[in-house]
């Protein structure tokens, strides 16, 4: 019996989208888009996050100011129920994604042992 790996991958994609945890993230994301305060805070968060990731990718360490900015935004997010809901939903979904990644990459890990 021949297995079409692409069919399996597409089935997995549909399965992920059907997860209640995925749906929770999608709903929370839509709530952010509909709330000006949450949307502005989200944009501030992503800008600081991108700046820090850029520094790390170029081999630089974020400054204390960058770290303080990220910490301050984290506190604002904790105080915003819409963004907190989004990040909590993302965390629940990431459990599945970590498990799926481990399963998918197991054959490749086995090849390098």
PDB file of N, CA and C in Angstrom:
ATOM      1  N   UNK A   1       0.849  -1.185   0.000  1.00  0.00           N
ATOM      2  CA  UNK A   1       0.000   0.000   0.000  1.00  0.00           C
ATOM      3  C   UNK A   1       0.885   1.235   0.000  1.00  0.00           C
ATOM      4  N   UNK A   2       0.676   2.101  -0.964  1.00  0.00           N
ATOM      5  CA  UNK A   2       1.443   3.334  -1.077  1.00  0.00           C
ATOM      6  C   UNK A   2       0.717   4.455  -0.345  1.00  0.00           C
ATOM      7  N   UNK A   3       1.473   5.204   0.430  1.00  0.00           N
ATOM      8  CA  UNK A   3       0.914   6.321   1.180  1.00  0.00           C
ATOM      9  C   UNK A   3       1.368   7.611   0.519  1.00  0.00           C
ATOM     10  N   UNK A   4       0.423   8.486   0.238  1.00  0.00           N
ATOM     11  CA  UNK A   4       0.766   9.790  -0.311  1.00  0.00           C
ATOM     12  C   UNK A   4       1.023  10.726   0.866  1.00  0.00           C
ATOM     13  N   UNK A   5       2.280  11.058   1.060  1.00  0.00           N
ATOM     14  CA  UNK A   5       2.676  11.877   2.201  1.00  0.00           C
ATOM     15  C   UNK A   5       2.004  13.243   2.169  1.00  0.00           C
ATOM     16  N   UNK A   6       1.734  13.762   0.992  1.00  0.00           N
ATOM     17  CA  UNK A   6       1.074  15.067   0.879  1.00  0.00           C
ATOM     18  C   UNK A   6      -0.376  14.993   1.333  1.00  0.00           C
ATOM     19  N   UNK A   7      -1.030  13.879   1.049  1.00  0.00           N
ATOM     20  CA  UNK A   7      -2.395  13.700   1.554  1.00  0.00           C
ATOM     21  C   UNK A   7      -2.402  13.676   3.081  1.00  0.00           C
ATOM     22  N   UNK A   8      -1.410  12.984   3.660  1.00  0.00           N
ATOM     23  CA  UNK A   8      -1.308  12.944   5.117  1.00  0.00           C
ATOM     24  C   UNK A   8      -1.058  14.337   5.688  1.00  0.00           C
ATOM     25  N   UNK A   9      -0.189  15.095   5.034  1.00  0.00           N
ATOM     26  CA  UNK A   9       0.114  16.452   5.507  1.00  0.00           C
ATOM     27  C   UNK A   9      -1.126  17.341   5.417  1.00  0.00           C
ATOM     28  N   UNK A  10      -1.883  17.209   4.326  1.00  0.00           N
ATOM     29  CA  UNK A  10      -3.106  18.006   4.187  1.00  0.00           C
ATOM     30  C   UNK A  10      -4.160  17.587   5.206  1.00  0.00           C
ATOM     31  N   UNK A  11      -4.236  16.294   5.497  1.00  0.00           N
ATOM     32  CA  UNK A  11      -5.151  15.829   6.546  1.00  0.00           C
ATOM     33  C   UNK A  11      -4.758  16.411   7.900  1.00  0.00           C
ATOM     34  N   UNK A  12      -3.464  16.438   8.170  1.00  0.00           N
ATOM     35  CA  UNK A  12      -2.985  17.009   9.423  1.00  0.00           C
ATOM     36  C   UNK A  12      -3.346  18.491   9.511  1.00  0.00           C
ATOM     37  N   UNK A  13      -3.153  19.208   8.415  1.00  0.00           N
ATOM     38  CA  UNK A  13      -3.496  20.639   8.397  1.00  0.00           C
ATOM     39  C   UNK A  13      -4.974  20.845   8.707  1.00  0.00           C
ATOM     40  N   UNK A  14      -5.821  20.069   8.084  1.00  0.00           N
ATOM     41  CA  UNK A  14      -7.267  20.186   8.351  1.00  0.00           C
ATOM     42  C   UNK A  14      -7.584  19.800   9.798  1.00  0.00           C
ATOM     43  N   UNK A  15      -6.894  18.798  10.309  1.00  0.00           N
ATOM     44  CA  UNK A  15      -7.099  18.382  11.687  1.00  0.00           C
ATOM     45  C   UNK A  15      -6.707  19.465  12.679  1.00  0.00           C
ATOM     46  N   UNK A  16      -5.597  20.136  12.405  1.00  0.00           N
ATOM     47  CA  UNK A  16      -5.167  21.230  13.280  1.00  0.00           C
ATOM     48  C   UNK A  16      -6.207  22.352  13.271  1.00  0.00           C
ATOM     49  N   UNK A  17      -6.684  22.711  12.091  1.00  0.00           N
ATOM     50  CA  UNK A  17      -7.693  23.775  11.998  1.00  0.00           C
ATOM     51  C   UNK A  17      -8.996  23.403  12.699  1.00  0.00           C
ATOM     52  N   UNK A  18      -9.269  22.117  12.823  1.00  0.00           N
ATOM     53  CA  UNK A  18     -10.502  21.667  13.474  1.00  0.00           C
ATOM     54  C   UNK A  18     -10.380  21.594  14.998  1.00  0.00           C
ATOM     55  N   UNK A  19      -9.161  21.692  15.512  1.00  0.00           N
ATOM     56  CA  UNK A  19      -8.981  21.629  16.960  1.00  0.00           C
ATOM     57  C   UNK A  19      -9.707  22.780  17.657  1.00  0.00           C
ATOM     58  N   UNK A  20     -10.372  22.513  18.762  1.00  0.00           N
ATOM     59  CA  UNK A  20     -10.993  23.603  19.523  1.00  0.00           C
ATOM     60  C   UNK A  20      -9.958  24.655  19.949  1.00  0.00           C
ATOM     61  N   UNK A  21      -8.738  24.220  20.241  1.00  0.00           N
ATOM     62  CA  UNK A  21      -7.684  25.153  20.636  1.00  0.00           C
ATOM     63  C   UNK A  21      -7.309  26.091  19.488  1.00  0.00           C
ATOM     64  N   UNK A  22      -7.319  25.573  18.269  1.00  0.00           N
ATOM     65  CA  UNK A  22      -7.049  26.419  17.099  1.00  0.00           C
ATOM     66  C   UNK A  22      -8.181  27.424  16.925  1.00  0.00           C
ATOM     67  N   UNK A  23      -9.402  26.940  17.048  1.00  0.00           N
ATOM     68  CA  UNK A  23     -10.568  27.818  16.927  1.00  0.00           C
ATOM     69  C   UNK A  23     -10.545  28.919  17.986  1.00  0.00           C
ATOM     70  N   UNK A  24     -10.121  28.575  19.202  1.00  0.00           N
ATOM     71  CA  UNK A  24     -10.023  29.576  20.266  1.00  0.00           C
ATOM     72  C   UNK A  24      -9.041  30.683  19.901  1.00  0.00           C
ATOM     73  N   UNK A  25      -7.905  30.310  19.302  1.00  0.00           N
ATOM     74  CA  UNK A  25      -6.922  31.310  18.881  1.00  0.00           C
ATOM     75  C   UNK A  25      -7.511  32.192  17.780  1.00  0.00           C
ATOM     76  N   UNK A  26      -8.203  31.588  16.827  1.00  0.00           N
ATOM     77  CA  UNK A  26      -8.799  32.361  15.734  1.00  0.00           C
ATOM     78  C   UNK A  26      -9.829  33.362  16.258  1.00  0.00           C
ATOM     79  N   UNK A  27     -10.651  32.933  17.196  1.00  0.00           N
ATOM     80  CA  UNK A  27     -11.660  33.824  17.787  1.00  0.00           C
ATOM     81  C   UNK A  27     -10.977  34.952  18.557  1.00  0.00           C
ATOM     82  N   UNK A  28      -9.960  34.612  19.347  1.00  0.00           N
ATOM     83  CA  UNK A  28      -9.247  35.622  20.130  1.00  0.00           C
ATOM     84  C   UNK A  28      -8.545  36.625  19.212  1.00  0.00           C
ATOM     85  N   UNK A  29      -8.001  36.145  18.095  1.00  0.00           N
ATOM     86  CA  UNK A  29      -7.341  37.030  17.130  1.00  0.00           C
ATOM     87  C   UNK A  29      -8.341  38.020  16.533  1.00  0.00           C
ATOM     88  N   UNK A  30      -9.528  37.547  16.247  1.00  0.00           N
ATOM     89  CA  UNK A  30     -10.566  38.426  15.703  1.00  0.00           C
ATOM     90  C   UNK A  30     -10.979  39.482  16.730  1.00  0.00           C
ATOM     91  N   UNK A  31     -11.031  39.102  17.995  1.00  0.00           N
ATOM     92  CA  UNK A  31     -11.363  40.067  19.050  1.00  0.00           C
ATOM     93  C   UNK A  31     -10.324  41.174  19.125  1.00  0.00           C
ATOM     94  N   UNK A  32      -9.057  40.824  18.927  1.00  0.00           N
ATOM     95  CA  UNK A  32      -7.999  41.835  18.920  1.00  0.00           C
ATOM     96  C   UNK A  32      -8.240  42.825  17.788  1.00  0.00           C
ATOM     97  N   UNK A  33      -8.559  42.313  16.617  1.00  0.00           N
ATOM     98  CA  UNK A  33      -8.774  43.169  15.449  1.00  0.00           C
ATOM     99  C   UNK A  33      -9.940  44.123  15.648  1.00  0.00           C
ATOM    100  N   UNK A  34     -10.893  43.741  16.476  1.00  0.00           N
ATOM    101  CA  UNK A  34     -12.089  44.561  16.675  1.00  0.00           C
ATOM    102  C   UNK A  34     -11.975  45.541  17.843  1.00  0.00           C
ATOM    103  N   UNK A  35     -10.889  45.473  18.595  1.00  0.00           N
ATOM    104  CA  UNK A  35     -10.732  46.340  19.768  1.00  0.00           C
ATOM    105  C   UNK A  35      -9.514  47.238  19.562  1.00  0.00           C
ATOM    106  N   UNK A  36      -9.740  48.555  19.493  1.00  0.00           N
ATOM    107  CA  UNK A  36      -8.647  49.482  19.181  1.00  0.00           C
ATOM    108  C   UNK A  36      -7.517  49.437  20.198  1.00  0.00           C
ATOM    109  N   UNK A  37      -7.836  49.357  21.476  1.00  0.00           N
ATOM    110  CA  UNK A  37      -6.797  49.332  22.508  1.00  0.00           C
ATOM    111  C   UNK A  37      -5.971  48.054  22.412  1.00  0.00           C
ATOM    112  N   UNK A  38      -6.636  46.929  22.252  1.00  0.00           N
ATOM    113  CA  UNK A  38      -5.931  45.648  22.131  1.00  0.00           C
ATOM    114  C   UNK A  38      -5.096  45.627  20.859  1.00  0.00           C
ATOM    115  N   UNK A  39      -5.646  46.155  19.786  1.00  0.00           N
ATOM    116  CA  UNK A  39      -4.926  46.168  18.514  1.00  0.00           C
ATOM    117  C   UNK A  39      -3.665  47.034  18.605  1.00  0.00           C
ATOM    118  N   UNK A  40      -3.772  48.201  19.234  1.00  0.00           N
ATOM    119  CA  UNK A  40      -2.609  49.083  19.380  1.00  0.00           C
ATOM    120  C   UNK A  40      -1.537  48.429  20.247  1.00  0.00           C
ATOM    121  N   UNK A  41      -1.955  47.789  21.315  1.00  0.00           N
ATOM    122  CA  UNK A  41      -0.999  47.112  22.194  1.00  0.00           C
ATOM    123  C   UNK A  41      -0.351  45.936  21.472  1.00  0.00           C
ATOM    124  N   UNK A  42      -1.140  45.214  20.684  1.00  0.00           N
ATOM    125  CA  UNK A  42      -0.606  44.100  19.891  1.00  0.00           C
ATOM    126  C   UNK A  42       0.461  44.605  18.921  1.00  0.00           C
ATOM    127  N   UNK A  43       0.185  45.714  18.251  1.00  0.00           N
ATOM    128  CA  UNK A  43       1.152  46.280  17.304  1.00  0.00           C
ATOM    129  C   UNK A  43       2.418  46.740  18.022  1.00  0.00           C
ATOM    130  N   UNK A  44       2.261  47.318  19.212  1.00  0.00           N
ATOM    131  CA  UNK A  44       3.425  47.713  20.008  1.00  0.00           C
ATOM    132  C   UNK A  44       4.246  46.480  20.391  1.00  0.00           C
ATOM    133  N   UNK A  45       3.571  45.433  20.821  1.00  0.00           N
ATOM    134  CA  UNK A  45       4.244  44.192  21.197  1.00  0.00           C
ATOM    135  C   UNK A  45       5.015  43.610  20.025  1.00  0.00           C
ATOM    136  N   UNK A  46       4.381  43.507  18.866  1.00  0.00           N
ATOM    137  CA  UNK A  46       5.058  42.897  17.715  1.00  0.00           C
ATOM    138  C   UNK A  46       6.239  43.746  17.248  1.00  0.00           C
ATOM    139  N   UNK A  47       6.140  45.069  17.347  1.00  0.00           N
ATOM    140  CA  UNK A  47       7.257  45.929  16.948  1.00  0.00           C
ATOM    141  C   UNK A  47       8.463  45.706  17.849  1.00  0.00           C
ATOM    142  N   UNK A  48       8.241  45.662  19.155  1.00  0.00           N
ATOM    143  CA  UNK A  48       9.344  45.431  20.088  1.00  0.00           C
ATOM    144  C   UNK A  48       9.902  44.021  19.906  1.00  0.00           C
ATOM    145  N   UNK A  49       9.007  43.046  19.726  1.00  0.00           N
ATOM    146  CA  UNK A  49       9.442  41.665  19.537  1.00  0.00           C
ATOM    147  C   UNK A  49      10.299  41.534  18.270  1.00  0.00           C
ATOM    148  N   UNK A  50       9.881  42.169  17.191  1.00  0.00           N
ATOM    149  CA  UNK A  50      10.656  42.111  15.942  1.00  0.00           C
ATOM    150  C   UNK A  50      12.016  42.781  16.103  1.00  0.00           C
ATOM    151  N   UNK A  51      12.051  43.891  16.834  1.00  0.00           N
ATOM    152  CA  UNK A  51      13.325  44.578  17.063  1.00  0.00           C
ATOM    153  C   UNK A  51      14.277  43.668  17.852  1.00  0.00           C
ATOM    154  N   UNK A  52      13.764  43.035  18.889  1.00  0.00           N
ATOM    155  CA  UNK A  52      14.602  42.153  19.704  1.00  0.00           C
ATOM    156  C   UNK A  52      15.053  40.932  18.907  1.00  0.00           C
ATOM    157  N   UNK A  53      14.158  40.348  18.124  1.00  0.00           N
ATOM    158  CA  UNK A  53      14.535  39.195  17.300  1.00  0.00           C
ATOM    159  C   UNK A  53      15.596  39.583  16.274  1.00  0.00           C
ATOM    160  N   UNK A  54      15.466  40.773  15.706  1.00  0.00           N
ATOM    161  CA  UNK A  54      16.468  41.252  14.753  1.00  0.00           C
ATOM    162  C   UNK A  54      17.832  41.389  15.397  1.00  0.00           C
ATOM    163  N   UNK A  55      17.854  41.916  16.614  1.00  0.00           N
ATOM    164  CA  UNK A  55      19.118  42.034  17.336  1.00  0.00           C
ATOM    165  C   UNK A  55      19.736  40.660  17.588  1.00  0.00           C
ATOM    166  N   UNK A  56      18.917  39.740  18.060  1.00  0.00           N
ATOM    167  CA  UNK A  56      19.415  38.396  18.357  1.00  0.00           C
ATOM    168  C   UNK A  56      19.933  37.697  17.111  1.00  0.00           C
ATOM    169  N   UNK A  57      19.218  37.861  15.999  1.00  0.00           N
ATOM    170  CA  UNK A  57      19.641  37.217  14.758  1.00  0.00           C
ATOM    171  C   UNK A  57      20.946  37.793  14.222  1.00  0.00           C
ATOM    172  N   UNK A  58      21.206  39.053  14.568  1.00  0.00           N
ATOM    173  CA  UNK A  58      22.466  39.659  14.110  1.00  0.00           C
ATOM    174  C   UNK A  58      23.586  39.474  15.128  1.00  0.00           C
ATOM    175  N   UNK A  59      23.318  38.677  16.155  1.00  0.00           N
ATOM    176  CA  UNK A  59      24.344  38.364  17.142  1.00  0.00           C
ATOM    177  C   UNK A  59      24.476  39.385  18.252  1.00  0.00           C
ATOM    178  N   UNK A  60      23.553  40.327  18.325  1.00  0.00           N
ATOM    179  CA  UNK A  60      23.599  41.349  19.362  1.00  0.00           C
ATOM    180  C   UNK A  60      22.633  40.994  20.490  1.00  0.00           C
ATOM    181  N   UNK A  61      22.965  41.443  21.653  1.00  0.00           N
ATOM    182  CA  UNK A  61      22.072  41.252  22.792  1.00  0.00           C
ATOM    183  C   UNK A  61      21.164  42.476  22.906  1.00  0.00           C
ATOM    184  N   UNK A  62      19.884  42.254  23.254  1.00  0.00           N
ATOM    185  CA  UNK A  62      18.994  43.400  23.454  1.00  0.00           C
ATOM    186  C   UNK A  62      19.495  44.258  24.618  1.00  0.00           C
ATOM    187  N   UNK A  63      19.319  45.550  24.480  1.00  0.00           N
ATOM    188  CA  UNK A  63      19.734  46.469  25.537  1.00  0.00           C
ATOM    189  C   UNK A  63      18.803  46.311  26.740  1.00  0.00           C
ATOM    190  N   UNK A  64      19.216  46.875  27.839  1.00  0.00           N
ATOM    191  CA  UNK A  64      18.360  46.863  29.022  1.00  0.00           C
ATOM    192  C   UNK A  64      17.056  47.596  28.728  1.00  0.00           C
ATOM    193  N   UNK A  65      17.143  48.649  27.929  1.00  0.00           N
ATOM    194  CA  UNK A  65      15.942  49.404  27.543  1.00  0.00           C
ATOM    195  C   UNK A  65      14.974  48.513  26.753  1.00  0.00           C
ATOM    196  N   UNK A  66      15.508  47.719  25.816  1.00  0.00           N
ATOM    197  CA  UNK A  66      14.664  46.796  25.053  1.00  0.00           C
ATOM    198  C   UNK A  66      14.013  45.770  25.977  1.00  0.00           C
ATOM    199  N   UNK A  67      14.800  45.237  26.908  1.00  0.00           N
ATOM    200  CA  UNK A  67      14.271  44.255  27.849  1.00  0.00           C
ATOM    201  C   UNK A  67      13.196  44.879  28.742  1.00  0.00           C
ATOM    202  N   UNK A  68      13.442  46.109  29.174  1.00  0.00           N
ATOM    203  CA  UNK A  68      12.449  46.804  30.000  1.00  0.00           C
ATOM    204  C   UNK A  68      11.173  47.063  29.208  1.00  0.00           C
ATOM    205  N   UNK A  69      11.330  47.416  27.928  1.00  0.00           N
ATOM    206  CA  UNK A  69      10.156  47.647  27.067  1.00  0.00           C
ATOM    207  C   UNK A  69       9.324  46.378  26.935  1.00  0.00           C
ATOM    208  N   UNK A  70      10.003  45.259  26.723  1.00  0.00           N
ATOM    209  CA  UNK A  70       9.290  43.998  26.570  1.00  0.00           C
ATOM    210  C   UNK A  70       8.586  43.621  27.871  1.00  0.00           C
ATOM    211  N   UNK A  71       9.237  43.842  28.979  1.00  0.00           N
ATOM    212  CA  UNK A  71       8.626  43.536  30.265  1.00  0.00           C
ATOM    213  C   UNK A  71       7.409  44.431  30.515  1.00  0.00           C
ATOM    214  N   UNK A  72       7.520  45.709  30.183  1.00  0.00           N
ATOM    215  CA  UNK A  72       6.400  46.637  30.370  1.00  0.00           C
ATOM    216  C   UNK A  72       5.218  46.240  29.485  1.00  0.00           C
ATOM    217  N   UNK A  73       5.506  45.846  28.258  1.00  0.00           N
ATOM    218  CA  UNK A  73       4.430  45.414  27.356  1.00  0.00           C
ATOM    219  C   UNK A  73       3.794  44.139  27.883  1.00  0.00           C
ATOM    220  N   UNK A  74       4.614  43.235  28.407  1.00  0.00           N
ATOM    221  CA  UNK A  74       4.082  42.007  28.997  1.00  0.00           C
ATOM    222  C   UNK A  74       3.105  42.303  30.120  1.00  0.00           C
ATOM    223  N   UNK A  75       3.428  43.280  30.929  1.00  0.00           N
ATOM    224  CA  UNK A  75       2.528  43.658  32.020  1.00  0.00           C
ATOM    225  C   UNK A  75       1.242  44.267  31.481  1.00  0.00           C
ATOM    226  N   UNK A  76       1.356  45.080  30.428  1.00  0.00           N
ATOM    227  CA  UNK A  76       0.154  45.655  29.811  1.00  0.00           C
ATOM    228  C   UNK A  76      -0.730  44.552  29.231  1.00  0.00           C
ATOM    229  N   UNK A  77      -0.090  43.566  28.612  1.00  0.00           N
ATOM    230  CA  UNK A  77      -0.840  42.452  28.022  1.00  0.00           C
ATOM    231  C   UNK A  77      -1.586  41.690  29.110  1.00  0.00           C
ATOM    232  N   UNK A  78      -0.908  41.445  30.224  1.00  0.00           N
ATOM    233  CA  UNK A  78      -1.556  40.744  31.343  1.00  0.00           C
ATOM    234  C   UNK A  78      -2.789  41.510  31.830  1.00  0.00           C
ATOM    235  N   UNK A  79      -2.751  42.822  31.706  1.00  0.00           N
ATOM    236  CA  UNK A  79      -3.873  43.648  32.138  1.00  0.00           C
ATOM    237  C   UNK A  79      -4.957  43.823  31.095  1.00  0.00           C
ATOM    238  N   UNK A  80      -4.714  43.338  29.886  1.00  0.00           N
ATOM    239  CA  UNK A  80      -5.706  43.461  28.819  1.00  0.00           C
ATOM    240  C   UNK A  80      -6.356  42.095  28.619  1.00  0.00           C
ATOM    241  N   UNK A  81      -7.632  41.947  29.007  1.00  0.00           N
ATOM    242  CA  UNK A  81      -8.253  40.621  28.940  1.00  0.00           C
ATOM    243  C   UNK A  81      -8.319  40.026  27.531  1.00  0.00           C
ATOM    244  N   UNK A  82      -8.413  40.864  26.525  1.00  0.00           N
ATOM    245  CA  UNK A  82      -8.494  40.355  25.147  1.00  0.00           C
ATOM    246  C   UNK A  82      -7.153  39.737  24.737  1.00  0.00           C
ATOM    247  N   UNK A  83      -6.063  40.458  25.016  1.00  0.00           N
ATOM    248  CA  UNK A  83      -4.744  39.919  24.666  1.00  0.00           C
ATOM    249  C   UNK A  83      -4.362  38.757  25.565  1.00  0.00           C
ATOM    250  N   UNK A  84      -4.727  38.822  26.809  1.00  0.00           N
ATOM    251  CA  UNK A  84      -4.443  37.706  27.711  1.00  0.00           C
ATOM    252  C   UNK A  84      -5.145  36.448  27.215  1.00  0.00           C
ATOM    253  N   UNK A  85      -6.382  36.585  26.791  1.00  0.00           N
ATOM    254  CA  UNK A  85      -7.125  35.445  26.238  1.00  0.00           C
ATOM    255  C   UNK A  85      -6.401  34.881  25.017  1.00  0.00           C
ATOM    256  N   UNK A  86      -5.913  35.768  24.152  1.00  0.00           N
ATOM    257  CA  UNK A  86      -5.197  35.333  22.951  1.00  0.00           C
ATOM    258  C   UNK A  86      -3.938  34.538  23.314  1.00  0.00           C
ATOM    259  N   UNK A  87      -3.126  35.079  24.218  1.00  0.00           N
ATOM    260  CA  UNK A  87      -1.889  34.404  24.572  1.00  0.00           C
ATOM    261  C   UNK A  87      -2.149  33.101  25.321  1.00  0.00           C
ATOM    262  N   UNK A  88      -3.185  33.071  26.139  1.00  0.00           N
ATOM    263  CA  UNK A  88      -3.544  31.824  26.823  1.00  0.00           C
ATOM    264  C   UNK A  88      -3.974  30.765  25.805  1.00  0.00           C
ATOM    265  N   UNK A  89      -4.758  31.182  24.813  1.00  0.00           N
ATOM    266  CA  UNK A  89      -5.202  30.255  23.767  1.00  0.00           C
ATOM    267  C   UNK A  89      -4.012  29.771  22.948  1.00  0.00           C
ATOM    268  N   UNK A  90      -3.087  30.678  22.634  1.00  0.00           N
ATOM    269  CA  UNK A  90      -1.876  30.301  21.898  1.00  0.00           C
ATOM    270  C   UNK A  90      -1.080  29.247  22.675  1.00  0.00           C
ATOM    271  N   UNK A  91      -0.997  29.435  23.979  1.00  0.00           N
ATOM    272  CA  UNK A  91      -0.251  28.497  24.819  1.00  0.00           C
ATOM    273  C   UNK A  91      -0.874  27.101  24.768  1.00  0.00           C
ATOM    274  N   UNK A  92      -2.202  27.047  24.841  1.00  0.00           N
ATOM    275  CA  UNK A  92      -2.877  25.743  24.785  1.00  0.00           C
ATOM    276  C   UNK A  92      -2.654  25.068  23.425  1.00  0.00           C
ATOM    277  N   UNK A  93      -2.701  25.850  22.351  1.00  0.00           N
ATOM    278  CA  UNK A  93      -2.462  25.294  21.018  1.00  0.00           C
ATOM    279  C   UNK A  93      -1.013  24.834  20.861  1.00  0.00           C
ATOM    280  N   UNK A  94      -0.086  25.549  21.477  1.00  0.00           N
ATOM    281  CA  UNK A  94       1.322  25.200  21.317  1.00  0.00           C
ATOM    282  C   UNK A  94       1.653  23.825  21.893  1.00  0.00           C
ATOM    283  N   UNK A  95       0.858  23.347  22.849  1.00  0.00           N
ATOM    284  CA  UNK A  95       1.073  22.000  23.380  1.00  0.00           C
ATOM    285  C   UNK A  95       0.906  20.979  22.255  1.00  0.00           C
ATOM    286  N   UNK A  96      -0.165  21.118  21.489  1.00  0.00           N
ATOM    287  CA  UNK A  96      -0.381  20.223  20.343  1.00  0.00           C
ATOM    288  C   UNK A  96       0.739  20.363  19.320  1.00  0.00           C
ATOM    289  N   UNK A  97       1.096  21.616  19.006  1.00  0.00           N
ATOM    290  CA  UNK A  97       2.074  21.841  17.957  1.00  0.00           C
ATOM    291  C   UNK A  97       3.442  21.268  18.339  1.00  0.00           C
ATOM    292  N   UNK A  98       3.811  21.362  19.598  1.00  0.00           N
ATOM    293  CA  UNK A  98       5.071  20.783  20.060  1.00  0.00           C
ATOM    294  C   UNK A  98       5.050  19.270  19.931  1.00  0.00           C
ATOM    295  N   UNK A  99       3.944  18.663  20.324  1.00  0.00           N
ATOM    296  CA  UNK A  99       3.826  17.207  20.201  1.00  0.00           C
ATOM    297  C   UNK A  99       3.865  16.767  18.742  1.00  0.00           C
ATOM    298  N   UNK A 100       3.150  17.485  17.891  1.00  0.00           N
ATOM    299  CA  UNK A 100       3.117  17.146  16.467  1.00  0.00           C
ATOM    300  C   UNK A 100       4.507  17.296  15.852  1.00  0.00           C
ATOM    301  N   UNK A 101       5.187  18.367  16.195  1.00  0.00           N
ATOM    302  CA  UNK A 101       6.547  18.573  15.678  1.00  0.00           C
ATOM    303  C   UNK A 101       7.465  17.426  16.099  1.00  0.00           C
ATOM    304  N   UNK A 102       7.382  17.027  17.342  1.00  0.00           N
ATOM    305  CA  UNK A 102       8.211  15.921  17.835  1.00  0.00           C
ATOM    306  C   UNK A 102       7.923  14.651  17.036  1.00  0.00           C
ATOM    307  N   UNK A 103       6.654  14.359  16.803  1.00  0.00           N
ATOM    308  CA  UNK A 103       6.261  13.158  16.065  1.00  0.00           C
ATOM    309  C   UNK A 103       6.748  13.219  14.620  1.00  0.00           C
ATOM    310  N   UNK A 104       6.541  14.352  13.972  1.00  0.00           N
ATOM    311  CA  UNK A 104       6.905  14.489  12.553  1.00  0.00           C
ATOM    312  C   UNK A 104       8.418  14.375  12.353  1.00  0.00           C
ATOM    313  N   UNK A 105       9.189  14.970  13.249  1.00  0.00           N
ATOM    314  CA  UNK A 105      10.633  14.991  13.053  1.00  0.00           C
ATOM    315  C   UNK A 105      11.340  13.782  13.645  1.00  0.00           C
ATOM    316  N   UNK A 106      10.623  12.887  14.302  1.00  0.00           N
ATOM    317  CA  UNK A 106      11.247  11.699  14.874  1.00  0.00           C
ATOM    318  C   UNK A 106      11.996  10.870  13.831  1.00  0.00           C
ATOM    319  N   UNK A 107      11.453  10.626  12.647  1.00  0.00           N
ATOM    320  CA  UNK A 107      12.221   9.845  11.662  1.00  0.00           C
ATOM    321  C   UNK A 107      13.542  10.513  11.265  1.00  0.00           C
ATOM    322  N   UNK A 108      13.549  11.842  11.203  1.00  0.00           N
ATOM    323  CA  UNK A 108      14.783  12.537  10.845  1.00  0.00           C
ATOM    324  C   UNK A 108      15.806  12.461  11.988  1.00  0.00           C
ATOM    325  N   UNK A 109      15.326  12.551  13.213  1.00  0.00           N
ATOM    326  CA  UNK A 109      16.217  12.414  14.367  1.00  0.00           C
ATOM    327  C   UNK A 109      16.800  10.999  14.406  1.00  0.00           C
ATOM    328  N   UNK A 110      15.981  10.021  14.066  1.00  0.00           N
ATOM    329  CA  UNK A 110      16.463   8.651  14.060  1.00  0.00           C
ATOM    330  C   UNK A 110      17.596   8.444  13.045  1.00  0.00           C
ATOM    331  N   UNK A 111      17.562   9.192  11.954  1.00  0.00           N
ATOM    332  CA  UNK A 111      18.609   9.055  10.923  1.00  0.00           C
ATOM    333  C   UNK A 111      19.952   9.585  11.378  1.00  0.00           C
ATOM    334  N   UNK A 112      19.963  10.520  12.292  1.00  0.00           N
ATOM    335  CA  UNK A 112      21.230  11.109  12.708  1.00  0.00           C
ATOM    336  C   UNK A 112      21.779  10.485  13.986  1.00  0.00           C
ATOM    337  N   UNK A 113      21.099   9.505  14.518  1.00  0.00           N
ATOM    338  CA  UNK A 113      21.571   8.831  15.739  1.00  0.00           C
ATOM    339  C   UNK A 113      22.677   7.860  15.403  1.00  0.00           C
TER     340      UNK A 113
END
